[in-house]
């Protein structure tokens, strides 16, 4: 499990590119998010809009096929576990729907 409750870069976020290329020396945008890995599954939670994504890393190492809609029986408990763990650790959470 990990959590990144920040916007990066902290200054000039709005002007940073959404994606970068190899060796272009640019800094891309990173938005607040947390993740939980259980076996072959990886759940991502994006703090701005409470969006959740679920991937089976044994068949989708590039995280191209979000399973959250087709496998809610896996996504919902993992999402609940992630939220509970963050609360138990008193983890810092991002501000929701931040205007940048």
PDB file of N, CA and C in Angstrom:
ATOM      1  N   UNK A   1       0.846  -1.176   0.000  1.00  0.00           N
ATOM      2  CA  UNK A   1       0.000   0.000   0.000  1.00  0.00           C
ATOM      3  C   UNK A   1       0.886   1.231   0.000  1.00  0.00           C
ATOM      4  N   UNK A   2       0.444   2.266  -0.701  1.00  0.00           N
ATOM      5  CA  UNK A   2       1.122   3.548  -0.648  1.00  0.00           C
ATOM      6  C   UNK A   2       0.117   4.664  -0.861  1.00  0.00           C
ATOM      7  N   UNK A   3       0.504   5.847  -0.430  1.00  0.00           N
ATOM      8  CA  UNK A   3      -0.362   7.013  -0.589  1.00  0.00           C
ATOM      9  C   UNK A   3       0.506   8.211  -0.951  1.00  0.00           C
ATOM     10  N   UNK A   4       0.043   8.971  -1.925  1.00  0.00           N
ATOM     11  CA  UNK A   4       0.715  10.194  -2.346  1.00  0.00           C
ATOM     12  C   UNK A   4      -0.348  11.294  -2.362  1.00  0.00           C
ATOM     13  N   UNK A   5      -0.529  12.024  -1.241  1.00  0.00           N
ATOM     14  CA  UNK A   5      -1.635  12.976  -1.137  1.00  0.00           C
ATOM     15  C   UNK A   5      -1.332  14.384  -1.644  1.00  0.00           C
ATOM     16  N   UNK A   6      -0.403  14.502  -2.562  1.00  0.00           N
ATOM     17  CA  UNK A   6       0.053  15.822  -2.992  1.00  0.00           C
ATOM     18  C   UNK A   6      -0.121  16.035  -4.498  1.00  0.00           C
ATOM     19  N   UNK A   7      -0.061  17.287  -4.867  1.00  0.00           N
ATOM     20  CA  UNK A   7       0.046  17.673  -6.273  1.00  0.00           C
ATOM     21  C   UNK A   7       1.525  17.957  -6.530  1.00  0.00           C
ATOM     22  N   UNK A   8       2.027  17.448  -7.624  1.00  0.00           N
ATOM     23  CA  UNK A   8       3.429  17.676  -7.968  1.00  0.00           C
ATOM     24  C   UNK A   8       3.511  18.087  -9.425  1.00  0.00           C
ATOM     25  N   UNK A   9       4.226  19.093  -9.782  1.00  0.00           N
ATOM     26  CA  UNK A   9       5.007  19.950  -8.901  1.00  0.00           C
ATOM     27  C   UNK A   9       4.108  20.875  -8.081  1.00  0.00           C
ATOM     28  N   UNK A  10       4.590  21.233  -6.909  1.00  0.00           N
ATOM     29  CA  UNK A  10       3.781  22.065  -6.018  1.00  0.00           C
ATOM     30  C   UNK A  10       3.577  23.466  -6.562  1.00  0.00           C
ATOM     31  N   UNK A  11       4.554  23.983  -7.281  1.00  0.00           N
ATOM     32  CA  UNK A  11       4.398  25.288  -7.918  1.00  0.00           C
ATOM     33  C   UNK A  11       4.321  25.073  -9.425  1.00  0.00           C
ATOM     34  N   UNK A  12       3.574  25.882 -10.076  1.00  0.00           N
ATOM     35  CA  UNK A  12       3.381  25.816 -11.533  1.00  0.00           C
ATOM     36  C   UNK A  12       2.729  24.516 -11.994  1.00  0.00           C
ATOM     37  N   UNK A  13       1.884  23.938 -11.134  1.00  0.00           N
ATOM     38  CA  UNK A  13       1.195  22.692 -11.490  1.00  0.00           C
ATOM     39  C   UNK A  13       0.381  22.856 -12.765  1.00  0.00           C
ATOM     40  N   UNK A  14      -0.349  23.949 -12.871  1.00  0.00           N
ATOM     41  CA  UNK A  14      -1.217  24.160 -14.035  1.00  0.00           C
ATOM     42  C   UNK A  14      -0.432  24.207 -15.340  1.00  0.00           C
ATOM     43  N   UNK A  15       0.821  24.650 -15.281  1.00  0.00           N
ATOM     44  CA  UNK A  15       1.636  24.770 -16.498  1.00  0.00           C
ATOM     45  C   UNK A  15       2.440  23.514 -16.813  1.00  0.00           C
ATOM     46  N   UNK A  16       2.478  22.553 -15.886  1.00  0.00           N
ATOM     47  CA  UNK A  16       3.250  21.327 -16.119  1.00  0.00           C
ATOM     48  C   UNK A  16       2.534  20.453 -17.145  1.00  0.00           C
ATOM     49  N   UNK A  17       3.283  19.733 -17.968  1.00  0.00           N
ATOM     50  CA  UNK A  17       2.652  18.852 -18.961  1.00  0.00           C
ATOM     51  C   UNK A  17       1.982  17.658 -18.292  1.00  0.00           C
ATOM     52  N   UNK A  18       0.935  17.136 -18.924  1.00  0.00           N
ATOM     53  CA  UNK A  18       0.248  15.961 -18.396  1.00  0.00           C
ATOM     54  C   UNK A  18       1.082  14.699 -18.567  1.00  0.00           C
ATOM     55  N   UNK A  19       1.930  14.664 -19.569  1.00  0.00           N
ATOM     56  CA  UNK A  19       2.783  13.504 -19.833  1.00  0.00           C
ATOM     57  C   UNK A  19       4.160  13.992 -20.259  1.00  0.00           C
ATOM     58  N   UNK A  20       5.139  13.151 -20.074  1.00  0.00           N
ATOM     59  CA  UNK A  20       6.498  13.511 -20.476  1.00  0.00           C
ATOM     60  C   UNK A  20       7.094  12.389 -21.319  1.00  0.00           C
ATOM     61  N   UNK A  21       8.187  12.694 -21.965  1.00  0.00           N
ATOM     62  CA  UNK A  21       8.908  11.709 -22.773  1.00  0.00           C
ATOM     63  C   UNK A  21      10.247  11.404 -22.102  1.00  0.00           C
ATOM     64  N   UNK A  22      10.894  10.380 -22.559  1.00  0.00           N
ATOM     65  CA  UNK A  22      12.205  10.021 -22.026  1.00  0.00           C
ATOM     66  C   UNK A  22      13.207  11.108 -22.390  1.00  0.00           C
ATOM     67  N   UNK A  23      13.996  11.507 -21.411  1.00  0.00           N
ATOM     68  CA  UNK A  23      15.081  12.479 -21.593  1.00  0.00           C
ATOM     69  C   UNK A  23      14.638  13.866 -22.065  1.00  0.00           C
ATOM     70  N   UNK A  24      13.392  14.255 -21.777  1.00  0.00           N
ATOM     71  CA  UNK A  24      13.013  15.619 -22.154  1.00  0.00           C
ATOM     72  C   UNK A  24      13.189  16.591 -20.978  1.00  0.00           C
ATOM     73  N   UNK A  25      13.577  16.069 -19.827  1.00  0.00           N
ATOM     74  CA  UNK A  25      13.882  16.859 -18.636  1.00  0.00           C
ATOM     75  C   UNK A  25      12.703  17.708 -18.162  1.00  0.00           C
ATOM     76  N   UNK A  26      11.514  17.304 -18.501  1.00  0.00           N
ATOM     77  CA  UNK A  26      10.315  17.998 -18.036  1.00  0.00           C
ATOM     78  C   UNK A  26       9.754  17.263 -16.817  1.00  0.00           C
ATOM     79  N   UNK A  27       8.958  17.963 -16.045  1.00  0.00           N
ATOM     80  CA  UNK A  27       8.291  17.382 -14.887  1.00  0.00           C
ATOM     81  C   UNK A  27       6.804  17.331 -15.194  1.00  0.00           C
ATOM     82  N   UNK A  28       6.239  16.146 -15.159  1.00  0.00           N
ATOM     83  CA  UNK A  28       4.809  16.014 -15.462  1.00  0.00           C
ATOM     84  C   UNK A  28       3.979  16.165 -14.190  1.00  0.00           C
ATOM     85  N   UNK A  29       2.679  16.297 -14.368  1.00  0.00           N
ATOM     86  CA  UNK A  29       1.750  16.428 -13.255  1.00  0.00           C
ATOM     87  C   UNK A  29       1.553  15.076 -12.571  1.00  0.00           C
ATOM     88  N   UNK A  30       1.571  15.108 -11.264  1.00  0.00           N
ATOM     89  CA  UNK A  30       1.185  13.961 -10.458  1.00  0.00           C
ATOM     90  C   UNK A  30       0.075  14.427  -9.548  1.00  0.00           C
ATOM     91  N   UNK A  31      -1.037  13.712  -9.576  1.00  0.00           N
ATOM     92  CA  UNK A  31      -2.201  14.072  -8.774  1.00  0.00           C
ATOM     93  C   UNK A  31      -2.290  13.152  -7.556  1.00  0.00           C
ATOM     94  N   UNK A  32      -2.973  13.589  -6.494  1.00  0.00           N
ATOM     95  CA  UNK A  32      -3.085  12.774  -5.285  1.00  0.00           C
ATOM     96  C   UNK A  32      -3.727  11.415  -5.577  1.00  0.00           C
ATOM     97  N   UNK A  33      -3.082  10.362  -5.068  1.00  0.00           N
ATOM     98  CA  UNK A  33      -3.603   9.021  -5.276  1.00  0.00           C
ATOM     99  C   UNK A  33      -3.027   8.066  -4.238  1.00  0.00           C
ATOM    100  N   UNK A  34      -3.731   6.956  -4.056  1.00  0.00           N
ATOM    101  CA  UNK A  34      -3.293   5.893  -3.164  1.00  0.00           C
ATOM    102  C   UNK A  34      -3.469   4.578  -3.898  1.00  0.00           C
ATOM    103  N   UNK A  35      -2.748   3.555  -3.429  1.00  0.00           N
ATOM    104  CA  UNK A  35      -2.835   2.248  -4.075  1.00  0.00           C
ATOM    105  C   UNK A  35      -2.723   1.144  -3.042  1.00  0.00           C
ATOM    106  N   UNK A  36      -3.317   0.011  -3.394  1.00  0.00           N
ATOM    107  CA  UNK A  36      -3.259  -1.186  -2.564  1.00  0.00           C
ATOM    108  C   UNK A  36      -3.012  -2.370  -3.478  1.00  0.00           C
ATOM    109  N   UNK A  37      -2.076  -3.201  -3.128  1.00  0.00           N
ATOM    110  CA  UNK A  37      -1.775  -4.405  -3.917  1.00  0.00           C
ATOM    111  C   UNK A  37      -2.125  -5.616  -3.073  1.00  0.00           C
ATOM    112  N   UNK A  38      -2.925  -6.511  -3.625  1.00  0.00           N
ATOM    113  CA  UNK A  38      -3.270  -7.776  -2.987  1.00  0.00           C
ATOM    114  C   UNK A  38      -3.106  -8.864  -4.021  1.00  0.00           C
ATOM    115  N   UNK A  39      -2.066  -9.668  -3.849  1.00  0.00           N
ATOM    116  CA  UNK A  39      -1.799 -10.728  -4.809  1.00  0.00           C
ATOM    117  C   UNK A  39      -1.577 -10.147  -6.184  1.00  0.00           C
ATOM    118  N   UNK A  40      -2.336 -10.628  -7.145  1.00  0.00           N
ATOM    119  CA  UNK A  40      -2.165 -10.163  -8.520  1.00  0.00           C
ATOM    120  C   UNK A  40      -2.942  -8.886  -8.825  1.00  0.00           C
ATOM    121  N   UNK A  41      -3.724  -8.394  -7.866  1.00  0.00           N
ATOM    122  CA  UNK A  41      -4.563  -7.223  -8.108  1.00  0.00           C
ATOM    123  C   UNK A  41      -3.957  -5.949  -7.522  1.00  0.00           C
ATOM    124  N   UNK A  42      -4.119  -4.878  -8.263  1.00  0.00           N
ATOM    125  CA  UNK A  42      -3.688  -3.550  -7.818  1.00  0.00           C
ATOM    126  C   UNK A  42      -4.877  -2.606  -7.946  1.00  0.00           C
ATOM    127  N   UNK A  43      -5.222  -1.953  -6.839  1.00  0.00           N
ATOM    128  CA  UNK A  43      -6.308  -0.981  -6.814  1.00  0.00           C
ATOM    129  C   UNK A  43      -5.716   0.405  -6.651  1.00  0.00           C
ATOM    130  N   UNK A  44      -6.139   1.330  -7.497  1.00  0.00           N
ATOM    131  CA  UNK A  44      -5.735   2.730  -7.404  1.00  0.00           C
ATOM    132  C   UNK A  44      -6.944   3.568  -7.044  1.00  0.00           C
ATOM    133  N   UNK A  45      -6.761   4.516  -6.143  1.00  0.00           N
ATOM    134  CA  UNK A  45      -7.824   5.450  -5.783  1.00  0.00           C
ATOM    135  C   UNK A  45      -7.306   6.858  -6.006  1.00  0.00           C
ATOM    136  N   UNK A  46      -8.023   7.629  -6.804  1.00  0.00           N
ATOM    137  CA  UNK A  46      -7.637   9.000  -7.127  1.00  0.00           C
ATOM    138  C   UNK A  46      -8.459   9.951  -6.270  1.00  0.00           C
ATOM    139  N   UNK A  47      -7.773  10.763  -5.468  1.00  0.00           N
ATOM    140  CA  UNK A  47      -8.426  11.559  -4.445  1.00  0.00           C
ATOM    141  C   UNK A  47      -9.282  12.699  -4.970  1.00  0.00           C
ATOM    142  N   UNK A  48      -8.944  13.253  -6.102  1.00  0.00           N
ATOM    143  CA  UNK A  48      -9.705  14.411  -6.591  1.00  0.00           C
ATOM    144  C   UNK A  48     -11.175  14.081  -6.832  1.00  0.00           C
ATOM    145  N   UNK A  49     -11.435  12.915  -7.390  1.00  0.00           N
ATOM    146  CA  UNK A  49     -12.813  12.587  -7.770  1.00  0.00           C
ATOM    147  C   UNK A  49     -13.285  11.235  -7.233  1.00  0.00           C
ATOM    148  N   UNK A  50     -12.549  10.668  -6.283  1.00  0.00           N
ATOM    149  CA  UNK A  50     -12.865   9.357  -5.697  1.00  0.00           C
ATOM    150  C   UNK A  50     -12.949   8.246  -6.739  1.00  0.00           C
ATOM    151  N   UNK A  51     -12.293   8.446  -7.863  1.00  0.00           N
ATOM    152  CA  UNK A  51     -12.270   7.417  -8.909  1.00  0.00           C
ATOM    153  C   UNK A  51     -11.394   6.258  -8.463  1.00  0.00           C
ATOM    154  N   UNK A  52     -11.827   5.032  -8.797  1.00  0.00           N
ATOM    155  CA  UNK A  52     -11.092   3.837  -8.443  1.00  0.00           C
ATOM    156  C   UNK A  52     -10.812   3.044  -9.711  1.00  0.00           C
ATOM    157  N   UNK A  53      -9.621   2.461  -9.785  1.00  0.00           N
ATOM    158  CA  UNK A  53      -9.256   1.586 -10.894  1.00  0.00           C
ATOM    159  C   UNK A  53      -8.704   0.290 -10.315  1.00  0.00           C
ATOM    160  N   UNK A  54      -8.982  -0.825 -10.988  1.00  0.00           N
ATOM    161  CA  UNK A  54      -8.527  -2.139 -10.546  1.00  0.00           C
ATOM    162  C   UNK A  54      -7.877  -2.856 -11.717  1.00  0.00           C
ATOM    163  N   UNK A  55      -6.687  -3.413 -11.476  1.00  0.00           N
ATOM    164  CA  UNK A  55      -5.953  -4.109 -12.535  1.00  0.00           C
ATOM    165  C   UNK A  55      -5.491  -5.474 -12.053  1.00  0.00           C
ATOM    166  N   UNK A  56      -5.505  -6.451 -12.951  1.00  0.00           N
ATOM    167  CA  UNK A  56      -4.939  -7.774 -12.719  1.00  0.00           C
ATOM    168  C   UNK A  56      -3.534  -7.748 -13.321  1.00  0.00           C
ATOM    169  N   UNK A  57      -2.535  -7.596 -12.479  1.00  0.00           N
ATOM    170  CA  UNK A  57      -1.165  -7.428 -12.963  1.00  0.00           C
ATOM    171  C   UNK A  57      -0.580  -8.703 -13.561  1.00  0.00           C
ATOM    172  N   UNK A  58      -1.214  -9.850 -13.303  1.00  0.00           N
ATOM    173  CA  UNK A  58      -0.706 -11.091 -13.897  1.00  0.00           C
ATOM    174  C   UNK A  58      -1.005 -11.163 -15.387  1.00  0.00           C
ATOM    175  N   UNK A  59      -2.009 -10.433 -15.835  1.00  0.00           N
ATOM    176  CA  UNK A  59      -2.376 -10.436 -17.262  1.00  0.00           C
ATOM    177  C   UNK A  59      -2.318  -9.053 -17.892  1.00  0.00           C
ATOM    178  N   UNK A  60      -2.103  -8.019 -17.076  1.00  0.00           N
ATOM    179  CA  UNK A  60      -2.163  -6.641 -17.567  1.00  0.00           C
ATOM    180  C   UNK A  60      -1.125  -5.785 -16.846  1.00  0.00           C
ATOM    181  N   UNK A  61       0.143  -6.093 -17.048  1.00  0.00           N
ATOM    182  CA  UNK A  61       1.218  -5.393 -16.355  1.00  0.00           C
ATOM    183  C   UNK A  61       1.251  -3.901 -16.700  1.00  0.00           C
ATOM    184  N   UNK A  62       0.754  -3.534 -17.869  1.00  0.00           N
ATOM    185  CA  UNK A  62       0.728  -2.138 -18.286  1.00  0.00           C
ATOM    186  C   UNK A  62      -0.478  -1.367 -17.789  1.00  0.00           C
ATOM    187  N   UNK A  63      -1.345  -2.004 -17.013  1.00  0.00           N
ATOM    188  CA  UNK A  63      -2.534  -1.363 -16.429  1.00  0.00           C
ATOM    189  C   UNK A  63      -3.371  -0.657 -17.496  1.00  0.00           C
ATOM    190  N   UNK A  64      -3.753  -1.422 -18.495  1.00  0.00           N
ATOM    191  CA  UNK A  64      -4.532  -0.885 -19.610  1.00  0.00           C
ATOM    192  C   UNK A  64      -6.016  -1.243 -19.536  1.00  0.00           C
ATOM    193  N   UNK A  65      -6.381  -2.253 -18.730  1.00  0.00           N
ATOM    194  CA  UNK A  65      -7.760  -2.757 -18.691  1.00  0.00           C
ATOM    195  C   UNK A  65      -8.310  -2.656 -17.269  1.00  0.00           C
ATOM    196  N   UNK A  66      -9.028  -1.565 -17.013  1.00  0.00           N
ATOM    197  CA  UNK A  66      -9.608  -1.315 -15.704  1.00  0.00           C
ATOM    198  C   UNK A  66     -10.755  -2.294 -15.464  1.00  0.00           C
ATOM    199  N   UNK A  67     -10.682  -3.069 -14.385  1.00  0.00           N
ATOM    200  CA  UNK A  67     -11.673  -4.098 -14.066  1.00  0.00           C
ATOM    201  C   UNK A  67     -12.710  -3.649 -13.045  1.00  0.00           C
ATOM    202  N   UNK A  68     -12.695  -2.390 -12.660  1.00  0.00           N
ATOM    203  CA  UNK A  68     -13.549  -1.946 -11.561  1.00  0.00           C
ATOM    204  C   UNK A  68     -15.033  -2.167 -11.851  1.00  0.00           C
ATOM    205  N   UNK A  69     -15.479  -1.985 -13.086  1.00  0.00           N
ATOM    206  CA  UNK A  69     -16.899  -2.179 -13.405  1.00  0.00           C
ATOM    207  C   UNK A  69     -17.258  -3.647 -13.591  1.00  0.00           C
ATOM    208  N   UNK A  70     -16.341  -4.431 -14.125  1.00  0.00           N
ATOM    209  CA  UNK A  70     -16.637  -5.839 -14.385  1.00  0.00           C
ATOM    210  C   UNK A  70     -16.415  -6.737 -13.168  1.00  0.00           C
ATOM    211  N   UNK A  71     -15.659  -6.240 -12.169  1.00  0.00           N
ATOM    212  CA  UNK A  71     -15.379  -7.052 -10.988  1.00  0.00           C
ATOM    213  C   UNK A  71     -15.548  -6.255  -9.692  1.00  0.00           C
ATOM    214  N   UNK A  72     -16.748  -5.705  -9.471  1.00  0.00           N
ATOM    215  CA  UNK A  72     -16.964  -4.930  -8.242  1.00  0.00           C
ATOM    216  C   UNK A  72     -16.812  -5.778  -6.980  1.00  0.00           C
ATOM    217  N   UNK A  73     -16.999  -7.078  -7.093  1.00  0.00           N
ATOM    218  CA  UNK A  73     -16.845  -7.953  -5.927  1.00  0.00           C
ATOM    219  C   UNK A  73     -15.396  -7.979  -5.434  1.00  0.00           C
ATOM    220  N   UNK A  74     -14.454  -7.613  -6.294  1.00  0.00           N
ATOM    221  CA  UNK A  74     -13.050  -7.461  -5.898  1.00  0.00           C
ATOM    222  C   UNK A  74     -12.720  -6.014  -5.560  1.00  0.00           C
ATOM    223  N   UNK A  75     -13.207  -5.106  -6.372  1.00  0.00           N
ATOM    224  CA  UNK A  75     -12.863  -3.686  -6.217  1.00  0.00           C
ATOM    225  C   UNK A  75     -13.420  -3.091  -4.925  1.00  0.00           C
ATOM    226  N   UNK A  76     -14.655  -3.384  -4.600  1.00  0.00           N
ATOM    227  CA  UNK A  76     -15.282  -2.765  -3.428  1.00  0.00           C
ATOM    228  C   UNK A  76     -14.578  -3.125  -2.120  1.00  0.00           C
ATOM    229  N   UNK A  77     -14.304  -4.416  -1.846  1.00  0.00           N
ATOM    230  CA  UNK A  77     -13.598  -4.727  -0.597  1.00  0.00           C
ATOM    231  C   UNK A  77     -12.180  -4.156  -0.545  1.00  0.00           C
ATOM    232  N   UNK A  78     -11.479  -4.151  -1.676  1.00  0.00           N
ATOM    233  CA  UNK A  78     -10.135  -3.582  -1.687  1.00  0.00           C
ATOM    234  C   UNK A  78     -10.177  -2.082  -1.438  1.00  0.00           C
ATOM    235  N   UNK A  79     -11.144  -1.406  -2.031  1.00  0.00           N
ATOM    236  CA  UNK A  79     -11.295   0.027  -1.809  1.00  0.00           C
ATOM    237  C   UNK A  79     -11.604   0.319  -0.340  1.00  0.00           C
ATOM    238  N   UNK A  80     -12.489  -0.472   0.247  1.00  0.00           N
ATOM    239  CA  UNK A  80     -12.823  -0.300   1.660  1.00  0.00           C
ATOM    240  C   UNK A  80     -11.605  -0.555   2.540  1.00  0.00           C
ATOM    241  N   UNK A  81     -10.821  -1.573   2.208  1.00  0.00           N
ATOM    242  CA  UNK A  81      -9.623  -1.889   2.964  1.00  0.00           C
ATOM    243  C   UNK A  81      -8.599  -0.754   2.872  1.00  0.00           C
ATOM    244  N   UNK A  82      -8.435  -0.200   1.685  1.00  0.00           N
ATOM    245  CA  UNK A  82      -7.498   0.915   1.507  1.00  0.00           C
ATOM    246  C   UNK A  82      -7.932   2.111   2.343  1.00  0.00           C
ATOM    247  N   UNK A  83      -9.198   2.457   2.265  1.00  0.00           N
ATOM    248  CA  UNK A  83      -9.693   3.609   3.041  1.00  0.00           C
ATOM    249  C   UNK A  83      -9.533   3.389   4.536  1.00  0.00           C
ATOM    250  N   UNK A  84      -9.864   2.180   4.991  1.00  0.00           N
ATOM    251  CA  UNK A  84      -9.755   1.869   6.417  1.00  0.00           C
ATOM    252  C   UNK A  84      -8.302   1.925   6.883  1.00  0.00           C
ATOM    253  N   UNK A  85      -7.392   1.403   6.081  1.00  0.00           N
ATOM    254  CA  UNK A  85      -5.974   1.426   6.439  1.00  0.00           C
ATOM    255  C   UNK A  85      -5.445   2.853   6.509  1.00  0.00           C
ATOM    256  N   UNK A  86      -5.826   3.680   5.551  1.00  0.00           N
ATOM    257  CA  UNK A  86      -5.391   5.081   5.573  1.00  0.00           C
ATOM    258  C   UNK A  86      -5.936   5.801   6.803  1.00  0.00           C
ATOM    259  N   UNK A  87      -7.193   5.525   7.154  1.00  0.00           N
ATOM    260  CA  UNK A  87      -7.792   6.151   8.330  1.00  0.00           C
ATOM    261  C   UNK A  87      -7.104   5.675   9.612  1.00  0.00           C
ATOM    262  N   UNK A  88      -6.836   4.374   9.681  1.00  0.00           N
ATOM    263  CA  UNK A  88      -6.182   3.815  10.866  1.00  0.00           C
ATOM    264  C   UNK A  88      -4.789   4.409  11.078  1.00  0.00           C
ATOM    265  N   UNK A  89      -4.089   4.646  10.005  1.00  0.00           N
ATOM    266  CA  UNK A  89      -2.747   5.225  10.091  1.00  0.00           C
ATOM    267  C   UNK A  89      -2.775   6.747  10.215  1.00  0.00           C
ATOM    268  N   UNK A  90      -3.983   7.316  10.161  1.00  0.00           N
ATOM    269  CA  UNK A  90      -4.137   8.776  10.191  1.00  0.00           C
ATOM    270  C   UNK A  90      -3.324   9.418   9.075  1.00  0.00           C
ATOM    271  N   UNK A  91      -3.394   8.797   7.905  1.00  0.00           N
ATOM    272  CA  UNK A  91      -2.656   9.286   6.744  1.00  0.00           C
ATOM    273  C   UNK A  91      -3.231  10.621   6.282  1.00  0.00           C
ATOM    274  N   UNK A  92      -2.362  11.461   5.811  1.00  0.00           N
ATOM    275  CA  UNK A  92      -2.788  12.734   5.248  1.00  0.00           C
ATOM    276  C   UNK A  92      -3.561  12.457   3.960  1.00  0.00           C
ATOM    277  N   UNK A  93      -4.681  13.114   3.792  1.00  0.00           N
ATOM    278  CA  UNK A  93      -5.494  12.956   2.587  1.00  0.00           C
ATOM    279  C   UNK A  93      -5.482  14.252   1.796  1.00  0.00           C
ATOM    280  N   UNK A  94      -5.671  14.132   0.520  1.00  0.00           N
ATOM    281  CA  UNK A  94      -5.697  15.308  -0.351  1.00  0.00           C
ATOM    282  C   UNK A  94      -7.022  16.032  -0.230  1.00  0.00           C
ATOM    283  N   UNK A  95      -6.995  17.287  -0.587  1.00  0.00           N
ATOM    284  CA  UNK A  95      -8.224  18.073  -0.671  1.00  0.00           C
ATOM    285  C   UNK A  95      -8.982  17.618  -1.907  1.00  0.00           C
ATOM    286  N   UNK A  96     -10.243  17.343  -1.785  1.00  0.00           N
ATOM    287  CA  UNK A  96     -11.053  16.855  -2.892  1.00  0.00           C
ATOM    288  C   UNK A  96     -11.342  17.961  -3.894  1.00  0.00           C
ATOM    289  N   UNK A  97     -11.311  17.605  -5.167  1.00  0.00           N
ATOM    290  CA  UNK A  97     -11.695  18.480  -6.283  1.00  0.00           C
ATOM    291  C   UNK A  97     -11.036  19.850  -6.190  1.00  0.00           C
ATOM    292  N   UNK A  98      -9.766  19.823  -6.020  1.00  0.00           N
ATOM    293  CA  UNK A  98      -8.996  21.060  -5.922  1.00  0.00           C
ATOM    294  C   UNK A  98      -9.039  21.813  -7.243  1.00  0.00           C
ATOM    295  N   UNK A  99      -9.241  23.096  -7.153  1.00  0.00           N
ATOM    296  CA  UNK A  99      -9.231  23.962  -8.341  1.00  0.00           C
ATOM    297  C   UNK A  99      -7.828  24.462  -8.567  1.00  0.00           C
ATOM    298  N   UNK A 100      -7.245  24.124  -9.704  1.00  0.00           N
ATOM    299  CA  UNK A 100      -5.884  24.554  -9.997  1.00  0.00           C
ATOM    300  C   UNK A 100      -5.857  25.388 -11.248  1.00  0.00           C
TER     301      UNK A 100
END
